[in-house]
Amino acid sequence: MKSSAKTALPAITMTAVSMVLTLAVVLMWLGAVMPWYVALVVGLGIDGGWLATLAYDRRLAAQGDHNRAVALIGWGFGLLATGVLVVHALGEDSPGPWLAVAWLPIAAKLLWLVHGLWEQTALTPRALDEIRGIQQEARDEAAVARARLRAQAATETTRLRGRDGRRGARRTRPGPHCRPAR
């Protein structure tokens, strides 16, 4: 599974379910007071506006761009669809099931937001290889630096042992050249 599909598929699914529910509710709700084809046009207008805004937003994202107005319009359509579902639910004898799904348009919009963030932070295979190379180079340099420090420490230890003639010996009294002047 492609890495972007991990976030795109839930967003696509949630959007499709949300659009079907919104259209069904608009048809049931407005179909009782006006011809069904007018209710269908209203429902398709809400869903179509949301889908068109989403498509444009995705197109901008594919180009590495972002437009706040387009994002706000998309959120507006999501809130409108949620509002339609909530108002319909409150008019029903048993609003529970409708209220349970009324959040779907907002959830779909949030999933698209997560997908967009995922895409912004996703790295290409070339970039990942380059990062791995940089990390390996840094590990190599650190290992060389540690080896250099160990060698210098060993050299210094050998030099100090050679001067004292004893392993780990320390002078307890200062030598004649270190006596305080009187």
C-alpha atoms as a PDB file:
ATOM      1  CA  MET A   1       0.000   0.000   0.000  1.00  0.00           C
ATOM      2  CA  LYS A   2       1.388   3.378  -1.004  1.00  0.00           C
ATOM      3  CA  SER A   3       2.116   5.558   2.018  1.00  0.00           C
ATOM      4  CA  SER A   4      -0.228   8.375   0.941  1.00  0.00           C
ATOM      5  CA  ALA A   5      -3.046   5.829   0.569  1.00  0.00           C
ATOM      6  CA  LYS A   6      -2.873   5.258   4.327  1.00  0.00           C
ATOM      7  CA  THR A   7      -4.452   8.658   4.851  1.00  0.00           C
ATOM      8  CA  ALA A   8      -6.234   9.165   1.522  1.00  0.00           C
ATOM      9  CA  LEU A   9      -8.445   6.057   1.595  1.00  0.00           C
ATOM     10  CA  PRO A  10     -10.134   6.873   4.924  1.00  0.00           C
ATOM     11  CA  ALA A  11     -10.674  10.464   3.769  1.00  0.00           C
ATOM     12  CA  ILE A  12     -12.144   9.322   0.437  1.00  0.00           C
ATOM     13  CA  THR A  13     -14.417   6.803   2.151  1.00  0.00           C
ATOM     14  CA  MET A  14     -15.600   9.261   4.787  1.00  0.00           C
ATOM     15  CA  THR A  15     -16.249  11.896   2.114  1.00  0.00           C
ATOM     16  CA  ALA A  16     -18.278   9.485  -0.033  1.00  0.00           C
ATOM     17  CA  VAL A  17     -20.400   8.305   2.911  1.00  0.00           C
ATOM     18  CA  SER A  18     -20.913  11.874   4.058  1.00  0.00           C
ATOM     19  CA  MET A  19     -21.968  13.009   0.584  1.00  0.00           C
ATOM     20  CA  VAL A  20     -24.453  10.149   0.201  1.00  0.00           C
ATOM     21  CA  LEU A  21     -25.964  10.878   3.620  1.00  0.00           C
ATOM     22  CA  THR A  22     -26.188  14.602   2.926  1.00  0.00           C
ATOM     23  CA  LEU A  23     -27.864  13.997  -0.422  1.00  0.00           C
ATOM     24  CA  ALA A  24     -30.299  11.475   1.108  1.00  0.00           C
ATOM     25  CA  VAL A  25     -31.228  13.837   3.933  1.00  0.00           C
ATOM     26  CA  VAL A  26     -31.741  16.778   1.571  1.00  0.00           C
ATOM     27  CA  LEU A  27     -33.949  14.613  -0.655  1.00  0.00           C
ATOM     28  CA  MET A  28     -36.016  13.350   2.326  1.00  0.00           C
ATOM     29  CA  TRP A  29     -36.177  16.729   3.977  1.00  0.00           C
ATOM     30  CA  LEU A  30     -36.827  19.025   1.020  1.00  0.00           C
ATOM     31  CA  GLY A  31     -38.548  16.383  -1.115  1.00  0.00           C
ATOM     32  CA  ALA A  32     -41.599  16.682   1.116  1.00  0.00           C
ATOM     33  CA  VAL A  33     -42.040  20.411   0.416  1.00  0.00           C
ATOM     34  CA  MET A  34     -40.849  20.748  -3.186  1.00  0.00           C
ATOM     35  CA  PRO A  35     -40.444  18.580  -6.274  1.00  0.00           C
ATOM     36  CA  TRP A  36     -37.855  15.833  -5.764  1.00  0.00           C
ATOM     37  CA  TYR A  37     -35.713  17.056  -8.671  1.00  0.00           C
ATOM     38  CA  VAL A  38     -35.334  20.488  -7.034  1.00  0.00           C
ATOM     39  CA  ALA A  39     -34.313  18.800  -3.772  1.00  0.00           C
ATOM     40  CA  LEU A  40     -31.874  16.682  -5.790  1.00  0.00           C
ATOM     41  CA  VAL A  41     -30.323  19.808  -7.316  1.00  0.00           C
ATOM     42  CA  VAL A  42     -29.969  21.382  -3.850  1.00  0.00           C
ATOM     43  CA  GLY A  43     -28.349  18.225  -2.448  1.00  0.00           C
ATOM     44  CA  LEU A  44     -26.048  17.866  -5.434  1.00  0.00           C
ATOM     45  CA  GLY A  45     -25.201  21.554  -5.138  1.00  0.00           C
ATOM     46  CA  ILE A  46     -24.031  21.110  -1.553  1.00  0.00           C
ATOM     47  CA  ASP A  47     -22.105  17.941  -2.364  1.00  0.00           C
ATOM     48  CA  GLY A  48     -20.833  19.265  -5.683  1.00  0.00           C
ATOM     49  CA  GLY A  49     -19.597  22.491  -4.127  1.00  0.00           C
ATOM     50  CA  TRP A  50     -17.792  20.552  -1.449  1.00  0.00           C
ATOM     51  CA  LEU A  51     -16.304  18.123  -3.955  1.00  0.00           C
ATOM     52  CA  ALA A  52     -15.205  20.910  -6.320  1.00  0.00           C
ATOM     53  CA  THR A  53     -13.581  22.795  -3.455  1.00  0.00           C
ATOM     54  CA  LEU A  54     -11.894  19.613  -2.278  1.00  0.00           C
ATOM     55  CA  ALA A  55     -10.613  18.848  -5.781  1.00  0.00           C
ATOM     56  CA  TYR A  56      -9.203  22.355  -6.158  1.00  0.00           C
ATOM     57  CA  ASP A  57      -7.609  22.199  -2.714  1.00  0.00           C
ATOM     58  CA  ARG A  58      -5.993  18.829  -3.580  1.00  0.00           C
ATOM     59  CA  ARG A  59      -4.755  20.239  -6.896  1.00  0.00           C
ATOM     60  CA  LEU A  60      -3.124  23.148  -5.103  1.00  0.00           C
ATOM     61  CA  ALA A  61      -1.586  20.753  -2.572  1.00  0.00           C
ATOM     62  CA  ALA A  62      -0.150  18.622  -5.390  1.00  0.00           C
ATOM     63  CA  GLN A  63       1.603  21.756  -6.648  1.00  0.00           C
ATOM     64  CA  GLY A  64       2.920  22.463  -3.161  1.00  0.00           C
ATOM     65  CA  ASP A  65       0.563  25.406  -2.749  1.00  0.00           C
ATOM     66  CA  HIS A  66      -2.193  26.335  -0.308  1.00  0.00           C
ATOM     67  CA  ASN A  67      -5.009  28.858  -0.493  1.00  0.00           C
ATOM     68  CA  ARG A  68      -6.661  29.842   2.769  1.00  0.00           C
ATOM     69  CA  ALA A  69      -9.857  31.004   1.022  1.00  0.00           C
ATOM     70  CA  VAL A  70     -10.283  27.627  -0.684  1.00  0.00           C
ATOM     71  CA  ALA A  71      -9.721  25.852   2.637  1.00  0.00           C
ATOM     72  CA  LEU A  72     -12.289  28.083   4.360  1.00  0.00           C
ATOM     73  CA  ILE A  73     -14.845  27.474   1.612  1.00  0.00           C
ATOM     74  CA  GLY A  74     -14.268  23.728   2.029  1.00  0.00           C
ATOM     75  CA  TRP A  75     -14.826  24.019   5.764  1.00  0.00           C
ATOM     76  CA  GLY A  76     -17.961  26.053   5.040  1.00  0.00           C
ATOM     77  CA  PHE A  77     -19.381  23.272   2.868  1.00  0.00           C
ATOM     78  CA  GLY A  78     -18.485  20.719   5.559  1.00  0.00           C
ATOM     79  CA  LEU A  79     -20.250  22.793   8.208  1.00  0.00           C
ATOM     80  CA  LEU A  80     -23.260  23.281   5.918  1.00  0.00           C
ATOM     81  CA  ALA A  81     -23.550  19.525   5.362  1.00  0.00           C
ATOM     82  CA  THR A  82     -23.200  18.915   9.102  1.00  0.00           C
ATOM     83  CA  GLY A  83     -25.835  21.554   9.800  1.00  0.00           C
ATOM     84  CA  VAL A  84     -28.248  19.929   7.335  1.00  0.00           C
ATOM     85  CA  LEU A  85     -27.782  16.571   9.056  1.00  0.00           C
ATOM     86  CA  VAL A  86     -28.185  18.034  12.561  1.00  0.00           C
ATOM     87  CA  VAL A  87     -31.311  20.042  11.670  1.00  0.00           C
ATOM     88  CA  HIS A  88     -32.825  16.987  10.013  1.00  0.00           C
ATOM     89  CA  ALA A  89     -31.966  14.839  13.045  1.00  0.00           C
ATOM     90  CA  LEU A  90     -33.600  17.277  15.440  1.00  0.00           C
ATOM     91  CA  GLY A  91     -36.829  17.112  13.422  1.00  0.00           C
ATOM     92  CA  GLU A  92     -37.019  13.326  13.574  1.00  0.00           C
ATOM     93  CA  ASP A  93     -38.914  11.288  16.169  1.00  0.00           C
ATOM     94  CA  SER A  94     -35.729   9.386  16.958  1.00  0.00           C
ATOM     95  CA  PRO A  95     -32.807  11.767  16.328  1.00  0.00           C
ATOM     96  CA  GLY A  96     -30.105   9.501  17.787  1.00  0.00           C
ATOM     97  CA  PRO A  97     -29.085   7.657  14.611  1.00  0.00           C
ATOM     98  CA  TRP A  98     -29.021  10.852  12.562  1.00  0.00           C
ATOM     99  CA  LEU A  99     -27.041  12.723  15.190  1.00  0.00           C
ATOM    100  CA  ALA A 100     -24.635   9.786  15.287  1.00  0.00           C
ATOM    101  CA  VAL A 101     -23.745  10.384  11.625  1.00  0.00           C
ATOM    102  CA  ALA A 102     -24.104  14.173  11.584  1.00  0.00           C
ATOM    103  CA  TRP A 103     -20.395  14.581  12.388  1.00  0.00           C
ATOM    104  CA  LEU A 104     -19.277  12.714   9.245  1.00  0.00           C
ATOM    105  CA  PRO A 105     -18.808  15.799   7.007  1.00  0.00           C
ATOM    106  CA  ILE A 106     -16.565  17.446   9.615  1.00  0.00           C
ATOM    107  CA  ALA A 107     -14.730  14.150  10.160  1.00  0.00           C
ATOM    108  CA  ALA A 108     -14.165  13.835   6.412  1.00  0.00           C
ATOM    109  CA  LYS A 109     -12.767  17.363   6.268  1.00  0.00           C
ATOM    110  CA  LEU A 110     -10.475  16.601   9.216  1.00  0.00           C
ATOM    111  CA  LEU A 111      -9.252  13.433   7.495  1.00  0.00           C
ATOM    112  CA  TRP A 112      -8.400  15.471   4.393  1.00  0.00           C
ATOM    113  CA  LEU A 113      -6.533  17.888   6.639  1.00  0.00           C
ATOM    114  CA  VAL A 114      -4.539  14.990   8.127  1.00  0.00           C
ATOM    115  CA  HIS A 115      -3.876  13.643   4.633  1.00  0.00           C
ATOM    116  CA  GLY A 116      -2.594  17.041   3.523  1.00  0.00           C
ATOM    117  CA  LEU A 117      -0.293  17.256   6.533  1.00  0.00           C
ATOM    118  CA  TRP A 118       0.931  13.719   5.818  1.00  0.00           C
ATOM    119  CA  GLU A 119       1.751  14.675   2.247  1.00  0.00           C
ATOM    120  CA  GLN A 120       3.576  17.814   3.341  1.00  0.00           C
ATOM    121  CA  THR A 121       5.820  15.827   5.646  1.00  0.00           C
ATOM    122  CA  ALA A 122       6.248  12.788   3.411  1.00  0.00           C
ATOM    123  CA  LEU A 123       9.732  12.382   2.000  1.00  0.00           C
ATOM    124  CA  THR A 124      10.703  11.003  -1.374  1.00  0.00           C
ATOM    125  CA  PRO A 125      12.783   7.821  -1.542  1.00  0.00           C
ATOM    126  CA  ARG A 126      15.713   9.909  -2.790  1.00  0.00           C
ATOM    127  CA  ALA A 127      15.460  12.241   0.210  1.00  0.00           C
ATOM    128  CA  LEU A 128      15.237   9.266   2.581  1.00  0.00           C
ATOM    129  CA  ASP A 129      18.350   7.728   0.985  1.00  0.00           C
ATOM    130  CA  GLU A 130      20.175  11.033   1.305  1.00  0.00           C
ATOM    131  CA  ILE A 131      19.173  11.310   4.962  1.00  0.00           C
ATOM    132  CA  ARG A 132      20.361   7.750   5.610  1.00  0.00           C
ATOM    133  CA  GLY A 133      23.675   8.608   3.924  1.00  0.00           C
ATOM    134  CA  ILE A 134      24.094  11.729   6.044  1.00  0.00           C
ATOM    135  CA  GLN A 135      23.302   9.771   9.201  1.00  0.00           C
ATOM    136  CA  GLN A 136      25.813   7.057   8.268  1.00  0.00           C
ATOM    137  CA  GLU A 137      28.452   9.673   7.514  1.00  0.00           C
ATOM    138  CA  ALA A 138      27.817  11.279  10.910  1.00  0.00           C
ATOM    139  CA  ARG A 139      28.119   7.880  12.641  1.00  0.00           C
ATOM    140  CA  ASP A 140      31.367   7.210  10.762  1.00  0.00           C
ATOM    141  CA  GLU A 141      32.793  10.603  11.727  1.00  0.00           C
ATOM    142  CA  ALA A 142      31.798  10.053  15.363  1.00  0.00           C
ATOM    143  CA  ALA A 143      33.466   6.616  15.386  1.00  0.00           C
ATOM    144  CA  VAL A 144      36.660   8.071  13.908  1.00  0.00           C
ATOM    145  CA  ALA A 145      36.621  10.895  16.462  1.00  0.00           C
ATOM    146  CA  ARG A 146      36.163   8.392  19.316  1.00  0.00           C
ATOM    147  CA  ALA A 147      39.042   6.259  17.984  1.00  0.00           C
ATOM    148  CA  ARG A 148      41.222   9.356  17.679  1.00  0.00           C
ATOM    149  CA  LEU A 149      40.433  10.345  21.289  1.00  0.00           C
ATOM    150  CA  ARG A 150      41.157   6.816  22.541  1.00  0.00           C
ATOM    151  CA  ALA A 151      44.489   6.810  20.673  1.00  0.00           C
ATOM    152  CA  GLN A 152      45.418  10.215  22.077  1.00  0.00           C
ATOM    153  CA  ALA A 153      44.446   9.089  25.587  1.00  0.00           C
ATOM    154  CA  ALA A 154      46.531   5.906  25.216  1.00  0.00           C
ATOM    155  CA  THR A 155      49.487   7.936  23.942  1.00  0.00           C
ATOM    156  CA  GLU A 156      49.206  10.350  26.858  1.00  0.00           C
ATOM    157  CA  THR A 157      48.947   7.470  29.341  1.00  0.00           C
ATOM    158  CA  THR A 158      52.056   5.858  27.847  1.00  0.00           C
ATOM    159  CA  ARG A 159      53.928   9.156  27.962  1.00  0.00           C
ATOM    160  CA  LEU A 160      53.004   9.736  31.605  1.00  0.00           C
ATOM    161  CA  ARG A 161      53.956   6.191  32.606  1.00  0.00           C
ATOM    162  CA  GLY A 162      57.294   6.523  30.883  1.00  0.00           C
ATOM    163  CA  ARG A 163      58.072   9.743  32.743  1.00  0.00           C
ATOM    164  CA  ASP A 164      57.182   8.346  36.160  1.00  0.00           C
ATOM    165  CA  GLY A 165      58.549   4.888  35.496  1.00  0.00           C
ATOM    166  CA  ARG A 166      55.730   3.382  37.452  1.00  0.00           C
ATOM    167  CA  ARG A 167      52.236   2.393  36.474  1.00  0.00           C
ATOM    168  CA  GLY A 168      49.699   4.715  38.013  1.00  0.00           C
ATOM    169  CA  ALA A 169      52.227   6.136  40.471  1.00  0.00           C
ATOM    170  CA  ARG A 170      51.618   9.528  41.964  1.00  0.00           C
ATOM    171  CA  ARG A 171      53.995  11.659  43.864  1.00  0.00           C
ATOM    172  CA  THR A 172      52.808  12.336  47.341  1.00  0.00           C
ATOM    173  CA  ARG A 173      55.363  15.030  48.086  1.00  0.00           C
ATOM    174  CA  PRO A 174      56.406  17.799  45.799  1.00  0.00           C
ATOM    175  CA  GLY A 175      59.861  17.508  44.308  1.00  0.00           C
ATOM    176  CA  PRO A 176      62.771  19.833  45.186  1.00  0.00           C
ATOM    177  CA  HIS A 177      61.906  22.205  42.372  1.00  0.00           C
ATOM    178  CA  CYS A 178      58.438  22.758  43.860  1.00  0.00           C
ATOM    179  CA  ARG A 179      59.496  23.936  47.331  1.00  0.00           C
ATOM    180  CA  PRO A 180      58.138  27.285  48.368  1.00  0.00           C
ATOM    181  CA  ALA A 181      60.608  30.147  48.416  1.00  0.00           C
ATOM    182  CA  ARG A 182      61.555  31.529  51.833  1.00  0.00           C
END
